[in-house]
Every structure is written in structure tokens, then in C-alpha cells.
Protein backbone atom coordinates (compact mmCIF):
# COMPACT_ATOMS: atom_id res chain seq x y z
CA UNK A 1 111.03 81.51 97.49
CA UNK A 2 108.44 78.87 96.77
CA UNK A 3 108.93 77.45 100.23
CA UNK A 4 108.46 80.85 101.91
CA UNK A 5 104.70 80.76 102.32
CA UNK A 6 104.67 77.07 103.18
CA UNK A 7 107.39 77.57 105.77
CA UNK A 8 105.57 80.51 107.34
CA UNK A 9 102.32 78.56 107.47
CA UNK A 10 104.06 75.56 109.02
CA UNK A 11 105.82 77.76 111.62
CA UNK A 12 102.55 79.45 112.58
CA UNK A 13 100.74 76.11 112.78
CA UNK A 14 103.62 74.66 114.80
CA UNK A 15 103.54 77.56 117.29
CA UNK A 16 99.81 77.11 117.71
CA UNK A 17 100.21 73.35 118.15
CA UNK A 18 103.05 73.83 120.68
CA UNK A 19 101.01 76.36 122.66
CA UNK A 20 97.94 74.14 122.76
CA UNK A 21 100.06 71.05 123.48
CA UNK A 22 101.92 72.76 126.33
CA UNK A 23 98.64 73.95 127.80
CA UNK A 24 97.15 70.48 127.67
CA UNK A 25 100.35 68.98 129.10
CA UNK A 26 100.19 71.34 132.08
CA UNK A 27 96.48 70.66 132.51
CA UNK A 28 96.97 66.89 132.32
CA UNK A 29 99.86 67.07 134.77
CA UNK A 30 97.78 69.18 137.13
CA UNK A 31 94.84 66.80 136.85
CA UNK A 32 97.13 63.87 137.61
CA UNK A 33 98.61 65.70 140.61
CA UNK A 34 95.15 66.63 141.85
CA UNK A 35 93.99 63.04 141.54
CA UNK A 36 97.06 61.85 143.48
CA UNK A 37 96.46 64.46 146.15
CA UNK A 38 92.80 63.51 146.31
CA UNK A 39 93.86 59.90 146.88
CA UNK A 40 96.33 60.95 149.58
CA UNK A 41 93.72 63.20 151.19
CA UNK A 42 91.32 60.26 151.31
CA UNK A 43 94.09 58.12 152.75
CA UNK A 44 94.82 60.79 155.36
CA UNK A 45 91.15 60.85 156.28
CA UNK A 46 91.24 57.06 156.61
CA UNK A 47 94.29 57.41 158.90
CA UNK A 48 92.42 59.85 161.11
CA UNK A 49 89.41 57.56 161.26
CA UNK A 50 91.56 54.50 162.03
CA UNK A 51 93.48 56.41 164.72
CA UNK A 52 90.29 57.61 166.37
CA UNK A 53 88.87 54.09 166.32
CA UNK A 54 92.04 52.67 167.84
CA UNK A 55 91.95 55.37 170.52
CA UNK A 56 88.32 54.54 171.29
CA UNK A 57 89.31 50.88 171.70
CA UNK A 58 91.94 51.91 174.25
CA UNK A 59 89.33 54.00 176.06
CA UNK A 60 86.97 51.00 176.02
CA UNK A 61 89.72 48.87 177.53
CA UNK A 62 90.27 51.45 180.28
CA UNK A 63 86.61 52.02 181.14
CA UNK A 64 85.73 48.30 181.04
CA UNK A 65 88.63 47.43 183.28
CA UNK A 66 87.83 50.21 185.79
CA UNK A 67 84.14 49.30 185.93
CA UNK A 68 84.91 45.66 186.56
CA UNK A 69 87.45 46.49 189.28
CA UNK A 70 85.03 48.83 191.04
CA UNK A 71 81.89 46.67 190.82
CA UNK A 72 83.09 43.16 190.20
CA UNK A 73 80.31 42.81 187.62
CA UNK A 74 81.16 40.91 184.43
CA UNK A 75 78.85 43.10 182.38
CA UNK A 76 81.48 45.83 182.49
CA UNK A 77 83.92 43.44 180.85
CA UNK A 78 81.87 43.28 177.61
CA UNK A 79 83.38 46.52 176.18
CA UNK A 80 86.81 45.39 177.39
CA UNK A 81 86.47 42.01 175.69
CA UNK A 82 85.25 43.58 172.40
CA UNK A 83 88.07 46.14 172.46
CA UNK A 84 90.70 43.45 173.20
CA UNK A 85 89.44 41.40 170.25
CA UNK A 86 89.35 44.35 167.78
CA UNK A 87 92.58 46.04 168.86
CA UNK A 88 95.08 43.89 166.87
CA UNK A 89 93.18 44.19 163.58
CA UNK A 90 92.63 47.94 163.97
CA UNK A 91 96.29 48.46 164.85
CA UNK A 92 97.32 46.51 161.74
CA UNK A 93 94.97 48.63 159.60
CA UNK A 94 96.51 51.84 160.95
CA UNK A 95 100.04 50.60 160.25
CA UNK A 96 99.09 49.74 156.67
CA UNK A 97 97.53 53.17 156.10
CA UNK A 98 100.66 55.03 157.24
CA UNK A 99 103.12 52.66 155.60
CA UNK A 100 104.06 55.34 153.03
CA UNK A 101 105.35 57.71 155.73
CA UNK A 102 108.25 56.35 157.77
CA UNK A 103 107.74 58.66 160.77
CA UNK A 104 104.01 58.02 160.98
CA UNK A 105 104.58 54.30 160.51
CA UNK A 106 107.05 54.32 163.41
CA UNK A 107 104.50 56.14 165.59
CA UNK A 108 101.83 53.61 164.62
CA UNK A 109 104.16 50.74 165.53
CA UNK A 110 104.91 52.35 168.92
CA UNK A 111 101.17 52.72 169.53
CA UNK A 112 100.63 49.07 168.63
CA UNK A 113 103.45 48.00 170.95
CA UNK A 114 102.12 50.21 173.76
CA UNK A 115 98.59 48.87 173.35
CA UNK A 116 99.76 45.27 173.16
CA UNK A 117 101.94 45.80 176.25
CA UNK A 118 99.01 47.43 178.03
CA UNK A 119 96.89 44.36 177.36
CA UNK A 120 99.43 41.59 177.83
CA UNK A 121 101.56 43.03 180.60
CA UNK A 122 98.97 44.93 182.63
CA UNK A 123 95.29 44.69 181.83
CA UNK A 124 94.86 40.96 181.23
CA UNK A 125 96.88 39.90 184.36
CA UNK A 126 94.97 42.46 186.46
CA UNK A 127 91.58 41.20 185.24
CA UNK A 128 92.63 37.60 185.87
CA UNK A 129 93.77 38.44 189.42
CA UNK A 130 90.51 40.24 190.14
CA UNK A 131 88.54 37.23 188.94
CA UNK A 132 90.46 35.03 191.35
CA UNK A 133 90.31 37.35 194.37
CA UNK A 134 88.95 40.92 194.19
CA UNK A 135 90.30 41.78 197.60
CA UNK A 136 93.82 41.09 196.50
CA UNK A 137 93.70 43.95 193.98
CA UNK A 138 94.43 47.50 195.13
CA UNK A 139 91.82 49.32 193.06
CA UNK A 140 93.16 52.80 193.78
CA UNK A 141 96.69 51.90 192.80
CA UNK A 142 95.48 49.99 189.75
CA UNK A 143 93.34 52.91 188.64
CA UNK A 144 96.22 55.34 188.98
CA UNK A 145 98.59 53.09 187.02
CA UNK A 146 95.91 52.50 184.39
CA UNK A 147 95.41 56.24 183.95
CA UNK A 148 99.16 56.75 183.61
CA UNK A 149 99.48 54.09 180.92
CA UNK A 150 96.43 55.30 178.96
CA UNK A 151 97.54 58.95 179.15
CA UNK A 152 100.89 57.95 177.68
CA UNK A 153 99.12 56.25 174.77
CA UNK A 154 96.81 59.24 174.32
CA UNK A 155 99.85 61.46 174.00
CA UNK A 156 101.11 59.22 171.22
CA UNK A 157 97.67 59.31 169.58
CA UNK A 158 97.67 63.11 169.74
CA UNK A 159 101.13 63.27 168.16
CA UNK A 160 100.10 60.96 165.33
CA UNK A 161 96.90 62.94 164.71
CA UNK A 162 98.72 66.29 164.85
CA UNK A 163 101.32 65.17 162.33
CA UNK A 164 98.61 63.75 160.07
CA UNK A 165 96.72 67.05 160.26
CA UNK A 166 99.90 68.90 159.27
CA UNK A 167 100.43 66.53 156.36
CA UNK A 168 96.82 66.98 155.25
CA UNK A 169 97.16 70.76 155.45
CA UNK A 170 100.38 70.65 153.44
CA UNK A 171 98.68 68.49 150.83
CA UNK A 172 95.78 70.95 150.67
CA UNK A 173 98.17 73.87 150.12
CA UNK A 174 99.92 71.93 147.39
CA UNK A 175 96.58 71.06 145.81
CA UNK A 176 95.65 74.74 145.85
CA UNK A 177 98.97 75.58 144.17
CA UNK A 178 98.40 72.91 141.53
CA UNK A 179 94.86 74.17 140.91
CA UNK A 180 96.13 77.74 140.55
CA UNK A 181 98.84 76.54 138.20
CA UNK A 182 96.24 74.73 136.11
CA UNK A 183 94.03 77.83 135.98
CA UNK A 184 96.96 80.06 135.04
CA UNK A 185 98.12 77.57 132.40
CA UNK A 186 94.61 77.29 130.96
CA UNK A 187 94.20 81.08 130.87
CA UNK A 188 97.65 81.57 129.36
CA UNK A 189 97.08 78.78 126.83
CA UNK A 190 93.68 80.16 125.87
CA UNK A 191 95.03 83.70 125.57
CA UNK A 192 98.05 82.55 123.60
CA UNK A 193 95.93 80.39 121.31
CA UNK A 194 93.49 83.23 120.67
CA UNK A 195 96.36 85.62 119.93
CA UNK A 196 98.06 83.12 117.64
CA UNK A 197 94.80 82.38 115.82
CA UNK A 198 94.11 86.11 115.48
CA UNK A 199 97.64 86.76 114.20
CA UNK A 200 97.46 83.77 111.87
CA UNK A 201 94.08 84.93 110.56
CA UNK A 202 95.40 88.45 110.05
CA UNK A 203 98.47 87.07 108.28
CA UNK A 204 96.38 84.85 106.01
CA UNK A 205 94.08 87.76 105.19
CA UNK A 206 96.91 90.25 104.61
CA UNK A 207 99.35 87.99 102.81
CA UNK A 208 97.06 85.53 101.00
CA UNK A 209 93.37 86.46 100.85
CA UNK A 210 93.81 90.15 100.00
CA UNK A 211 96.36 89.53 97.22
CA UNK A 212 94.20 86.71 95.82
CA UNK A 213 91.09 88.93 95.89
CA UNK A 214 93.05 91.76 94.26
CA UNK A 215 94.33 89.40 91.60
CA UNK A 216 90.79 88.11 90.99
CA UNK A 217 89.53 91.69 90.65
CA UNK A 218 92.32 92.50 88.19
CA UNK A 219 91.49 89.33 86.27
CA UNK A 220 87.90 90.57 86.01
CA UNK A 221 89.10 93.93 84.72
CA UNK A 222 91.40 92.16 82.28
CA UNK A 223 88.51 90.01 81.04
CA UNK A 224 86.40 93.18 80.67
CA UNK A 225 88.99 94.67 78.33
CA UNK A 226 91.25 96.68 80.66
CA UNK A 227 94.52 95.27 79.38
CA UNK A 228 96.54 97.65 81.56
CA UNK A 229 95.35 95.92 84.75
CA UNK A 230 98.29 94.88 86.93
CA UNK A 231 98.76 93.75 90.54
CA UNK A 232 101.63 94.56 92.93
CA UNK A 233 104.10 91.67 92.89
CA UNK A 234 105.37 92.04 96.45
CA UNK A 235 103.67 88.88 97.74
CA UNK A 236 105.63 86.16 99.48
CA UNK A 237 106.13 82.64 98.24
CA UNK A 238 103.46 81.22 95.98
CA UNK A 239 101.40 84.44 96.17
CA UNK A 240 104.30 86.40 94.67
CA UNK A 241 104.65 83.75 91.96
CA UNK A 242 100.91 84.08 91.23
CA UNK A 243 101.14 87.88 91.04
CA UNK A 244 104.16 87.85 88.76
CA UNK A 245 102.57 85.18 86.56
CA UNK A 246 99.39 87.27 86.30
CA UNK A 247 101.36 90.39 85.36
CA UNK A 248 103.34 88.42 82.79
CA UNK A 249 100.13 87.02 81.33
CA UNK A 250 98.47 90.46 81.28
CA UNK A 251 101.52 91.98 79.59
CA UNK A 252 101.51 89.18 77.01
CA UNK A 253 97.79 89.69 76.36
CA UNK A 254 98.29 93.44 76.06
CA UNK A 255 101.23 92.95 73.70
CA UNK A 256 99.20 90.47 71.66
CA UNK A 257 96.31 92.94 71.54
CA UNK A 258 98.64 95.70 70.35
CA UNK A 259 100.10 93.42 67.70
CA UNK A 260 96.61 92.33 66.63
CA UNK A 261 95.41 95.94 66.50
CA UNK A 262 98.49 96.90 64.51
CA UNK A 263 97.88 94.01 62.16
CA UNK A 264 94.25 95.04 61.70
CA UNK A 265 95.31 98.63 61.02
CA UNK A 266 97.83 97.44 58.44
CA UNK A 267 95.24 95.19 56.79
CA UNK A 268 92.66 97.99 56.66
CA UNK A 269 95.25 100.46 55.38
CA UNK A 270 96.41 97.99 52.74
CA UNK A 271 92.82 97.40 51.65
CA UNK A 272 92.20 101.16 51.47
CA UNK A 273 95.36 101.67 49.42
CA UNK A 274 94.27 98.87 47.09
CA UNK A 275 90.82 100.46 46.72
CA UNK A 276 92.40 103.85 46.08
CA UNK A 277 94.77 102.39 43.50
CA UNK A 278 91.91 100.56 41.73
CA UNK A 279 89.81 103.75 41.76
CA UNK A 280 92.72 105.76 40.36
CA UNK A 281 93.44 103.16 37.69
CA UNK A 282 89.78 103.14 36.65
CA UNK A 283 89.63 106.93 36.63
CA UNK A 284 92.90 107.53 34.81
CA UNK A 285 92.71 104.53 32.50
CA UNK A 286 89.39 102.91 31.69
CA UNK A 287 87.21 105.96 32.30
CA UNK A 288 89.41 108.22 30.22
CA UNK A 289 89.43 105.77 27.32
CA UNK A 290 85.67 105.37 27.52
CA UNK A 291 85.23 109.15 27.54
CA UNK A 292 87.50 109.39 24.49
CA UNK A 293 85.50 106.68 22.69
CA UNK A 294 82.23 108.45 23.56
CA UNK A 295 83.57 111.71 22.14
CA UNK A 296 84.70 109.92 18.99
CA UNK A 297 81.24 108.39 18.58
CA UNK A 298 79.63 111.79 19.00
CA UNK A 299 82.05 113.22 16.46
CA UNK A 300 81.30 110.38 14.06
CA UNK A 301 77.58 110.92 14.58
CA UNK A 302 77.99 114.58 13.65
CA UNK A 303 79.69 113.82 10.30
CA UNK A 304 77.28 111.10 9.12
CA UNK A 305 75.49 112.30 5.95
CA UNK A 306 71.78 113.07 6.31
CA UNK A 307 70.92 110.38 3.77
CA UNK A 308 72.17 107.74 6.28
CA UNK A 309 69.84 108.23 9.26
CA UNK A 310 70.11 104.63 10.36
CA UNK A 311 73.88 104.91 10.85
CA UNK A 312 73.42 108.22 12.70
CA UNK A 313 70.88 106.53 15.00
CA UNK A 314 73.18 103.57 15.64
CA UNK A 315 76.09 105.87 16.50
CA UNK A 316 73.86 107.95 18.80
CA UNK A 317 72.57 104.81 20.53
CA UNK A 318 76.12 103.47 20.97
CA UNK A 319 77.22 106.82 22.42
CA UNK A 320 74.28 106.83 24.85
CA UNK A 321 74.98 103.25 25.97
CA UNK A 322 78.64 104.13 26.42
CA UNK A 323 77.69 107.19 28.48
CA UNK A 324 75.43 105.03 30.68
CA UNK A 325 78.21 102.49 31.16
CA UNK A 326 80.58 105.33 31.99
CA UNK A 327 78.19 106.65 34.65
CA UNK A 328 77.88 103.17 36.17
CA UNK A 329 81.65 102.85 36.17
CA UNK A 330 81.97 106.21 37.94
CA UNK A 331 79.44 105.03 40.57
CA UNK A 332 81.36 101.79 41.00
CA UNK A 333 84.58 103.76 41.30
CA UNK A 334 83.10 105.94 44.01
CA UNK A 335 82.03 102.79 45.89
CA UNK A 336 85.54 101.40 45.72
CA UNK A 337 87.17 104.61 46.94
CA UNK A 338 85.67 108.07 46.44
CA UNK A 339 88.08 110.44 44.79
CA UNK A 340 86.34 113.37 46.47
CA UNK A 341 87.43 112.00 49.88
CA UNK A 342 91.06 112.00 48.80
CA UNK A 343 90.86 115.39 47.17
CA UNK A 344 88.39 117.33 49.33
CA UNK A 345 88.35 115.66 52.73
CA UNK A 346 85.64 114.29 54.99
CA UNK A 347 83.17 117.20 54.85
CA UNK A 348 82.69 117.32 51.06
CA UNK A 349 82.64 113.50 50.86
CA UNK A 350 79.84 113.23 53.46
CA UNK A 351 77.82 115.94 51.71
CA UNK A 352 78.24 114.12 48.40
CA UNK A 353 76.96 110.93 50.06
CA UNK A 354 73.94 112.82 51.39
CA UNK A 355 73.11 114.20 47.95
CA UNK A 356 73.18 110.73 46.40
CA UNK A 357 71.08 109.16 49.19
CA UNK A 358 67.49 108.28 48.22
CA UNK A 359 66.38 109.56 51.66
CA UNK A 360 66.63 113.33 52.33
CA UNK A 361 69.64 113.86 54.55
CA UNK A 362 70.95 116.79 56.58
CA UNK A 363 74.69 117.04 57.14
CA UNK A 364 76.46 119.01 59.89
CA UNK A 365 80.24 118.86 59.72
CA UNK A 366 82.63 120.60 62.12
CA UNK A 367 86.01 119.22 61.07
CA UNK A 368 88.34 122.20 60.60
CA UNK A 369 91.40 120.18 59.54
CA UNK A 370 92.14 117.18 57.38
CA UNK A 371 92.26 114.02 59.45
CA UNK A 372 94.43 110.97 59.07
CA UNK A 373 93.54 109.00 55.95
CA UNK A 374 92.37 105.85 57.79
CA UNK A 375 90.12 107.98 60.03
CA UNK A 376 88.49 109.77 57.09
CA UNK A 377 88.01 106.53 55.14
CA UNK A 378 86.50 104.79 58.19
CA UNK A 379 84.08 107.67 58.84
CA UNK A 380 83.07 107.79 55.17
CA UNK A 381 82.25 104.08 54.99
CA UNK A 382 80.36 104.22 58.30
CA UNK A 383 78.07 106.94 56.94
CA UNK A 384 77.77 105.18 53.58
CA UNK A 385 76.71 101.90 55.21
CA UNK A 386 74.31 103.68 57.58
CA UNK A 387 72.62 105.48 54.66
CA UNK A 388 72.36 102.21 52.72
CA UNK A 389 70.77 100.45 55.72
CA UNK A 390 68.34 103.32 56.25
CA UNK A 391 67.28 103.18 52.61
CA UNK A 392 66.83 99.38 52.61
CA UNK A 393 65.37 98.61 56.03
CA UNK A 394 64.29 101.57 58.14
CA UNK A 395 61.45 103.16 56.17
CA UNK A 396 62.81 106.53 57.32
CA UNK A 397 61.74 109.86 55.84
CA UNK A 398 64.87 111.76 56.86
CA UNK A 399 68.42 111.14 58.04
CA UNK A 400 70.63 113.44 60.13
CA UNK A 401 74.42 113.18 59.85
CA UNK A 402 76.68 114.94 62.35
CA UNK A 403 80.50 114.88 62.38
CA UNK A 404 82.60 116.99 64.71
CA UNK A 405 86.03 116.98 66.31
CA UNK A 406 86.31 117.41 70.08
CA UNK A 407 89.04 116.64 72.63
CA UNK A 408 91.22 114.92 70.06
CA UNK A 409 88.49 112.57 68.83
CA UNK A 410 86.07 112.45 65.92
CA UNK A 411 82.47 112.03 67.05
CA UNK A 412 80.19 110.75 64.30
CA UNK A 413 76.42 110.33 64.52
CA UNK A 414 73.93 109.03 61.94
CA UNK A 415 70.27 109.15 63.04
CA UNK A 416 67.03 108.40 61.18
CA UNK A 417 63.31 108.56 62.02
CA UNK A 418 62.49 105.07 60.77
CA UNK A 419 60.72 102.15 62.40
CA UNK A 420 63.73 101.13 64.56
CA UNK A 421 64.25 97.61 65.85
CA UNK A 422 67.47 97.17 63.87
CA UNK A 423 69.61 94.14 64.72
CA UNK A 424 73.25 94.99 63.88
CA UNK A 425 74.43 91.39 63.47
CA UNK A 426 71.87 90.25 60.91
CA UNK A 427 73.20 91.22 57.53
CA UNK A 428 73.32 94.97 58.22
CA UNK A 429 76.95 95.27 57.10
CA UNK A 430 77.98 96.84 60.40
CA UNK A 431 80.11 93.88 61.46
CA UNK A 432 82.86 94.78 59.01
CA UNK A 433 82.56 98.44 60.01
CA UNK A 434 82.97 97.47 63.67
CA UNK A 435 86.21 95.68 62.79
CA UNK A 436 87.40 98.78 60.91
CA UNK A 437 86.46 101.10 63.81
CA UNK A 438 88.05 98.88 66.46
CA UNK A 439 91.20 98.59 64.35
CA UNK A 440 91.59 102.35 64.88
CA UNK A 441 90.97 101.94 68.64
CA UNK A 442 87.52 103.47 68.24
CA UNK A 443 84.07 102.54 69.49
CA UNK A 444 80.79 101.94 67.67
CA UNK A 445 77.29 101.53 69.08
CA UNK A 446 73.79 101.18 67.65
CA UNK A 447 70.61 102.24 69.44
CA UNK A 448 67.39 101.19 67.73
CA UNK A 449 64.28 101.06 69.92
CA UNK A 450 61.20 99.83 68.10
CA UNK A 451 59.22 102.74 66.65
CA UNK A 452 61.83 105.37 67.58
CA UNK A 453 64.35 105.24 64.74
CA UNK A 454 67.96 104.14 64.71
CA UNK A 455 71.05 105.99 65.93
CA UNK A 456 74.58 104.97 65.02
CA UNK A 457 77.38 106.49 67.14
CA UNK A 458 81.06 106.19 66.28
CA UNK A 459 83.97 107.63 68.25
CA UNK A 460 87.44 107.63 66.65
CA UNK A 461 90.77 108.90 67.99
CA UNK A 462 92.51 111.44 65.77
CA UNK A 463 96.09 110.83 64.76
CA UNK A 464 97.43 114.40 64.93
CA UNK A 465 100.55 113.39 63.04
CA UNK A 466 98.34 113.02 59.95
CA UNK A 467 96.43 116.31 60.17
CA UNK A 468 98.02 117.68 57.05
CA UNK A 469 96.13 120.86 56.22
CA UNK A 470 92.88 122.76 56.71
CA UNK A 471 89.95 121.50 54.66
CA UNK A 472 90.03 123.43 51.36
CA UNK A 473 87.09 125.60 50.38
CA UNK A 474 85.72 124.13 47.19
CA UNK A 475 82.32 123.38 45.76
CA UNK A 476 80.85 120.04 46.83
CA UNK A 477 81.40 117.52 44.08
């Protein structure tokens, strides 16, 4: 599986390399063929030139000889002498040029033999005889024989030239075919390369880039808190491994988050139970004993004789001090865990908080049923901390508290008309509340523009399994 993507990439790259290599091979072969044909075409042109030159030499031999025979003037022998001197070298050049073609080489050899025979066996003896005695030479007969010999050589020249023209034409046709083949190969190679590159690009985008981008986007969502972010794991090779690894990591993070949230809930619940137990122990134990002692002191004060006013005053003072200590203990007990929250629910507890607040507070509660204990405790402490912060820092003249249930969630708002500019992370006490709210999978936010008061918003999910009963109608304690 790991080799899948690598193998596909190598196959695609190999196909592209083979296509380009084959195209270049055809082009190089065509270029080599064209160069060879160009060389042969040049050679063929040289053959034509050499043949024409040799034919002109034969014509010079004929015309020089005829002029000398007719006039007896040696000036007509100048072309003949030049042609006789140049003929052997030109004939050798022609034979060398056609050496690669056996038929043409044979024709060139026959031309050389005919020309040599014309000179040695006919023309030179005739010129020598004319030099000795012009009258001994029959000019008419010599001219006729000369024409016959030269015409025979011209026929051979024409044959050699005609065959060379045919060979040149055949080479030209072949060159045209090679050029067309090169053009077709170049066009096919270019088209194939473009198609392969396009397919390879599409494959890379579809199989690699898109899954990687999708995985990166899911990683961003995961980092932003969306722990349910997953990617399809249908990728091939290493991409599939990446997708499955990402999903495994995301599942592990989500599981860890659930375990952490559960741990935080258990810790908060354990702390709340401990607070409730301490409050109950104080109420049922220490407070009751202190109340009993206070009553005993009052009873003792009542039976002290009038002649002992100092003792009566001491007992009264002790009873008053004990009553003050009892009130402070009750206040401390309410801070640990308010009994009214356990007994009366969220509405009465919030109204009791508002009554004890040093800042006038308005409370609006629309919670028709008892909520889960952790939810009620969390909401109570949020309002308690918000009222304490408003009293200490805001300079507010009034606070508005609103609690209502909607769409399975408790929406809580605490707003004041103070100076604003609150910074939640500087000793405001909201950090611990944020942990408590988030432990219940809730949200908390603070808005505090300078000069426009502070608003605390909390949103908590309601655990319907713990909605035990409607809120009882009872006087606010």
C-alpha cells in the first residue's frame, strides 16, 4: 500500500519519459537521415556538374578537331589541346563521385573508355596526319565519323544524367517522407506529452493536492476546537496513510477531550458535594449547638437576680457576641454552599443573592423546572461572582440578572451600568468560573467596553435526566 502512490508516480513519469524519448529518437533519426540525404543530394549535384564538364570537354575536342581540319589553322587546336589535357582528370573525378553506385560507376567507366579511345584511337592520329599532309585527310569522311563517335558518347552522357536525375528525385521523395515523419512524430510527441502532463497534473491534484488541502482544512478545524473533524480515508498509498493517521489522531484528541471533560465534571461535582456536606455539617452541627448555647445564655440572663446587674450585662454581651458569630457562620455557610439552592432551586437562590448584594439588583427568572444539580450550582456561583465583581470594581448603580431556559439550554445574563473596561483574567475570579462552565460543555463570555458597563453571558446545556420536579412555590429565603 505504501508503494502504491510511488509506483503510480514512477509509472506516470516513465510514460512521459518514454514518450518524450521516443519523440526525440524519431526526430534525431530523421535529422540524421535528412543530413545524409542532403549530403547525397550535394553529391548528386556534383555528379551532374562533373558530367556536364566532361561532356563539354568532348564537345571541345570535336569542335577543335573540326575547325583545324577545315581551316588548317593551329588556333583551332587550342580548345582541343586544353580538353585533351583536362579529360583524364575530369573523368577520374566523375568515377570517384559515382563510386557508391555500381551502375553509375560502370557508365562512368564506359564514358572514360570511350573518351580515351576517341582521343587515342581516332582524334590524335587524325590530327597528326593532318599536320603532316592536310590533303591526305578526307575531311568529309572524318567529320562524319567524328560525329558518329561523339553522338555515341553523348548518348552515354544522357543515360548517366537521366539515371542521376532519377536517383536525385527518389532521394527528394525520401527526404520529403522523412520530413513528414519527423513532423508527425513531433506533433504526436507534443500532443502525447501535453496529454500525459495534463493527466499527471489532474491525477496529482485529485489524488494528492486535494486530499492534502482537505486534511489541512480539517486540521485547522480541529485546532479551532471542532474535535469531530474527519477526512475521508479513501486515498491511495501515503495519502491514505496520512488520512487514516489524521483520523486516528483526531479520534484520540476527541477521546482525550471527553475524558478530560468527564474528569473536570467529576472534580467539580466532588467539590460541590464536599461544599454541600460541609454546609450541612455546619448547619446541623455547629450552628445548632451555637443556637442552643445562645438560648441558654438568654435563659440564664433572664434568671439573674436584679441585684447582680454586672452578671446580667456579661451574659447579655456574651449572647450578643454569640449571635453575631452565628450570623457570620451562616454567611460563611451560604458561601460554601447555599442551602436555599438545594432546597428551593435556582430562582429563589438568585433572588436571595440579589437581596444580599450591596448594589440594587433586578432578577428575572424563567426556569419552570429544577435543573441538574451541577447546572444550578454553576449558575449560582456565576451570578455570585459577577455581583461581587460589580460591587468591588465596576462602580455600578444597578445590576440586572436574567436566567431563562430555551431550546434545552440555560441562558444566563448579568449586566451592570458601571464604568466597564473589565479585564477577566486579572484577579476577577472568572477564570475558575470558566473552568466550571466549560466542564459542563458550556460557554462564557464577557463584554466590557469602557464607559458602557459590563455584561457576562453564560450558556449551559441542560441535563434533562436531572430535571427532577417543578420549582416549588415558597417564599424567598
